Amino acid sequence: MSEEEAYDKLDKMVEKEAQKPKGEIYCPECGSSRLYYFLGLKAGQIFVCKDCGYQGPLIIEDGEVAEEIRKNWVNEKSK
């Protein structure tokens, strides 16, 4: 592998790593932290929630916001 190819490979790895969420992630529908990464590549990042079944690219990275979403979701489910 040439030096240029090595730098290209490193650039791609850094770019891919920069796209990953940092820290804890939460579901935008129910506030759960029980999400798993489902797809990538051309489809982009898709997450699935184990609690409510949400599937999508959007996630919450703020624990306080997720806590409010979780409270509202639990209240709605208990009605």
N, C-alpha and C. Protein backbone atom coordinates (compact mmCIF):
# COMPACT_ATOMS: atom_id res chain seq x y z
N MET A 1 0.86 -1.18 0.00
CA MET A 1 0.00 0.00 0.00
C MET A 1 0.90 1.23 0.00
N SER A 2 0.60 2.12 -0.90
CA SER A 2 1.40 3.34 -0.99
C SER A 2 1.03 4.29 0.15
N GLU A 3 1.85 5.28 0.34
CA GLU A 3 1.60 6.27 1.39
C GLU A 3 0.30 7.03 1.12
N GLU A 4 0.05 7.35 -0.14
CA GLU A 4 -1.18 8.06 -0.50
C GLU A 4 -2.41 7.21 -0.21
N GLU A 5 -2.36 5.93 -0.53
CA GLU A 5 -3.48 5.03 -0.25
C GLU A 5 -3.71 4.90 1.25
N ALA A 6 -2.62 4.87 2.00
CA ALA A 6 -2.74 4.78 3.46
C ALA A 6 -3.42 6.02 4.03
N TYR A 7 -3.05 7.21 3.52
CA TYR A 7 -3.69 8.45 3.97
C TYR A 7 -5.16 8.48 3.58
N ASP A 8 -5.49 8.02 2.39
CA ASP A 8 -6.89 7.96 1.97
C ASP A 8 -7.70 7.04 2.88
N LYS A 9 -7.13 5.91 3.19
CA LYS A 9 -7.81 4.96 4.08
C LYS A 9 -8.01 5.57 5.47
N LEU A 10 -6.99 6.25 5.97
CA LEU A 10 -7.09 6.90 7.27
C LEU A 10 -8.15 8.00 7.25
N ASP A 11 -8.20 8.79 6.18
CA ASP A 11 -9.21 9.85 6.06
C ASP A 11 -10.62 9.26 6.11
N LYS A 12 -10.84 8.16 5.42
CA LYS A 12 -12.15 7.51 5.42
C LYS A 12 -12.52 7.00 6.80
N MET A 13 -11.55 6.44 7.50
CA MET A 13 -11.79 5.92 8.86
C MET A 13 -12.15 7.07 9.81
N VAL A 14 -11.43 8.18 9.71
CA VAL A 14 -11.70 9.34 10.57
C VAL A 14 -13.08 9.92 10.27
N GLU A 15 -13.41 10.02 8.99
CA GLU A 15 -14.73 10.54 8.60
C GLU A 15 -15.84 9.64 9.13
N LYS A 16 -15.68 8.34 9.01
CA LYS A 16 -16.68 7.39 9.49
C LYS A 16 -16.84 7.50 11.01
N GLU A 17 -15.73 7.62 11.72
CA GLU A 17 -15.76 7.72 13.18
C GLU A 17 -16.43 9.02 13.62
N ALA A 18 -16.22 10.09 12.88
CA ALA A 18 -16.80 11.40 13.23
C ALA A 18 -18.32 11.39 13.10
N GLN A 19 -18.88 10.51 12.29
CA GLN A 19 -20.31 10.45 12.09
C GLN A 19 -21.03 9.69 13.20
N LYS A 20 -20.30 8.92 13.99
CA LYS A 20 -20.91 8.14 15.06
C LYS A 20 -21.30 9.05 16.22
N PRO A 21 -22.42 8.75 16.87
CA PRO A 21 -22.82 9.54 18.04
C PRO A 21 -21.80 9.39 19.16
N LYS A 22 -21.60 10.43 19.91
CA LYS A 22 -20.68 10.40 21.04
C LYS A 22 -21.49 10.25 22.32
N GLY A 23 -21.11 9.34 23.17
CA GLY A 23 -21.81 9.16 24.44
C GLY A 23 -23.11 8.40 24.29
N GLU A 24 -23.97 8.58 25.25
CA GLU A 24 -25.25 7.86 25.30
C GLU A 24 -26.21 8.42 24.25
N ILE A 25 -27.01 7.53 23.67
CA ILE A 25 -28.02 7.95 22.69
C ILE A 25 -29.40 7.51 23.18
N TYR A 26 -30.42 8.26 22.77
CA TYR A 26 -31.79 8.01 23.25
C TYR A 26 -32.76 8.05 22.07
N CYS A 27 -33.85 7.34 22.23
CA CYS A 27 -34.91 7.29 21.22
C CYS A 27 -35.70 8.61 21.24
N PRO A 28 -35.97 9.20 20.06
CA PRO A 28 -36.75 10.44 20.03
C PRO A 28 -38.25 10.22 20.26
N GLU A 29 -38.71 8.97 20.20
CA GLU A 29 -40.12 8.66 20.42
C GLU A 29 -40.45 8.41 21.89
N CYS A 30 -39.59 7.62 22.57
CA CYS A 30 -39.92 7.22 23.94
C CYS A 30 -38.84 7.57 24.97
N GLY A 31 -37.69 8.07 24.52
CA GLY A 31 -36.62 8.46 25.43
C GLY A 31 -35.78 7.31 25.95
N SER A 32 -35.99 6.12 25.46
CA SER A 32 -35.23 4.95 25.91
C SER A 32 -33.79 5.00 25.41
N SER A 33 -32.89 4.42 26.19
CA SER A 33 -31.50 4.30 25.75
C SER A 33 -31.24 2.93 25.13
N ARG A 34 -32.30 2.14 24.96
CA ARG A 34 -32.17 0.79 24.41
C ARG A 34 -32.31 0.82 22.88
N LEU A 35 -31.35 1.47 22.23
CA LEU A 35 -31.30 1.58 20.78
C LEU A 35 -30.17 0.71 20.25
N TYR A 36 -30.37 0.21 19.04
CA TYR A 36 -29.25 -0.47 18.39
C TYR A 36 -29.14 0.01 16.95
N TYR A 37 -27.92 -0.05 16.46
CA TYR A 37 -27.59 0.38 15.11
C TYR A 37 -28.05 -0.69 14.14
N PHE A 38 -28.84 -0.33 13.14
CA PHE A 38 -29.44 -1.30 12.25
C PHE A 38 -28.81 -1.31 10.86
N LEU A 39 -28.69 -0.17 10.22
CA LEU A 39 -28.17 -0.09 8.85
C LEU A 39 -27.11 0.99 8.73
N GLY A 40 -26.40 0.91 7.65
CA GLY A 40 -25.40 1.92 7.34
C GLY A 40 -25.24 2.01 5.84
N LEU A 41 -24.02 2.22 5.42
CA LEU A 41 -23.66 2.31 4.01
C LEU A 41 -24.49 3.36 3.30
N LYS A 42 -25.11 3.02 2.19
CA LYS A 42 -25.85 4.00 1.40
C LYS A 42 -27.14 4.44 2.07
N ALA A 43 -27.69 3.61 2.95
CA ALA A 43 -28.94 3.96 3.63
C ALA A 43 -28.70 4.98 4.74
N GLY A 44 -27.48 5.18 5.13
CA GLY A 44 -27.18 6.06 6.24
C GLY A 44 -27.38 5.33 7.56
N GLN A 45 -27.26 6.04 8.65
CA GLN A 45 -27.43 5.42 9.95
C GLN A 45 -28.90 5.27 10.28
N ILE A 46 -29.30 4.07 10.60
CA ILE A 46 -30.68 3.80 11.03
C ILE A 46 -30.59 3.11 12.39
N PHE A 47 -31.34 3.63 13.34
CA PHE A 47 -31.39 3.07 14.68
C PHE A 47 -32.76 2.47 14.93
N VAL A 48 -32.83 1.45 15.77
CA VAL A 48 -34.09 0.81 16.14
C VAL A 48 -34.17 0.80 17.66
N CYS A 49 -35.33 1.18 18.19
CA CYS A 49 -35.56 1.19 19.64
C CYS A 49 -36.18 -0.13 20.07
N LYS A 50 -35.61 -0.72 21.09
CA LYS A 50 -36.12 -2.00 21.61
C LYS A 50 -37.38 -1.82 22.45
N ASP A 51 -37.67 -0.59 22.89
CA ASP A 51 -38.85 -0.36 23.72
C ASP A 51 -40.10 -0.03 22.92
N CYS A 52 -39.97 0.89 21.97
CA CYS A 52 -41.18 1.33 21.24
C CYS A 52 -41.18 0.92 19.78
N GLY A 53 -40.07 0.41 19.27
CA GLY A 53 -40.02 -0.03 17.88
C GLY A 53 -39.65 1.06 16.89
N TYR A 54 -39.34 2.25 17.38
CA TYR A 54 -38.93 3.35 16.48
C TYR A 54 -37.81 2.88 15.56
N GLN A 55 -37.88 3.28 14.28
CA GLN A 55 -36.81 3.04 13.32
C GLN A 55 -36.55 4.34 12.58
N GLY A 56 -35.32 4.82 12.62
CA GLY A 56 -35.01 6.05 11.90
C GLY A 56 -33.61 6.54 12.19
N PRO A 57 -33.22 7.59 11.49
CA PRO A 57 -31.87 8.12 11.63
C PRO A 57 -31.70 9.11 12.78
N LEU A 58 -32.80 9.64 13.28
CA LEU A 58 -32.72 10.66 14.33
C LEU A 58 -32.60 10.03 15.71
N ILE A 59 -31.71 10.60 16.50
CA ILE A 59 -31.55 10.17 17.89
C ILE A 59 -31.41 11.41 18.76
N ILE A 60 -31.58 11.22 20.05
CA ILE A 60 -31.40 12.29 21.02
C ILE A 60 -30.10 12.00 21.76
N GLU A 61 -29.26 13.02 21.93
CA GLU A 61 -28.00 12.84 22.65
C GLU A 61 -27.99 13.59 23.98
N ASP A 62 -29.10 14.26 24.30
CA ASP A 62 -29.22 15.03 25.54
C ASP A 62 -30.07 14.23 26.53
N GLY A 63 -29.47 13.81 27.64
CA GLY A 63 -30.16 13.00 28.63
C GLY A 63 -31.35 13.68 29.27
N GLU A 64 -31.27 15.00 29.47
CA GLU A 64 -32.39 15.73 30.08
C GLU A 64 -33.60 15.76 29.15
N VAL A 65 -33.37 15.99 27.89
CA VAL A 65 -34.46 15.98 26.91
C VAL A 65 -35.06 14.58 26.84
N ALA A 66 -34.21 13.57 26.81
CA ALA A 66 -34.68 12.18 26.75
C ALA A 66 -35.53 11.83 27.97
N GLU A 67 -35.15 12.35 29.13
CA GLU A 67 -35.91 12.08 30.36
C GLU A 67 -37.32 12.66 30.25
N GLU A 68 -37.46 13.86 29.71
CA GLU A 68 -38.78 14.47 29.52
C GLU A 68 -39.60 13.66 28.51
N ILE A 69 -38.97 13.27 27.42
CA ILE A 69 -39.66 12.44 26.42
C ILE A 69 -40.12 11.15 27.05
N ARG A 70 -39.27 10.53 27.87
CA ARG A 70 -39.59 9.26 28.52
C ARG A 70 -40.80 9.42 29.46
N LYS A 71 -40.80 10.50 30.26
CA LYS A 71 -41.92 10.75 31.18
C LYS A 71 -43.23 10.88 30.40
N ASN A 72 -43.20 11.66 29.33
CA ASN A 72 -44.41 11.85 28.52
C ASN A 72 -44.86 10.54 27.88
N TRP A 73 -43.93 9.75 27.40
CA TRP A 73 -44.25 8.48 26.75
C TRP A 73 -44.87 7.51 27.75
N VAL A 74 -44.31 7.42 28.96
CA VAL A 74 -44.84 6.54 29.99
C VAL A 74 -46.24 6.98 30.39
N ASN A 75 -46.45 8.29 30.54
CA ASN A 75 -47.77 8.82 30.88
C ASN A 75 -48.79 8.48 29.81
N GLU A 76 -48.43 8.62 28.54
CA GLU A 76 -49.34 8.29 27.45
C GLU A 76 -49.67 6.79 27.42
N LYS A 77 -48.68 5.96 27.69
CA LYS A 77 -48.91 4.51 27.68
C LYS A 77 -49.79 4.06 28.83
N SER A 78 -49.77 4.78 29.96
CA SER A 78 -50.55 4.39 31.13
C SER A 78 -52.00 4.85 31.05
N LYS A 79 -52.34 5.66 30.06
CA LYS A 79 -53.73 6.15 29.92
C LYS A 79 -54.62 5.09 29.35
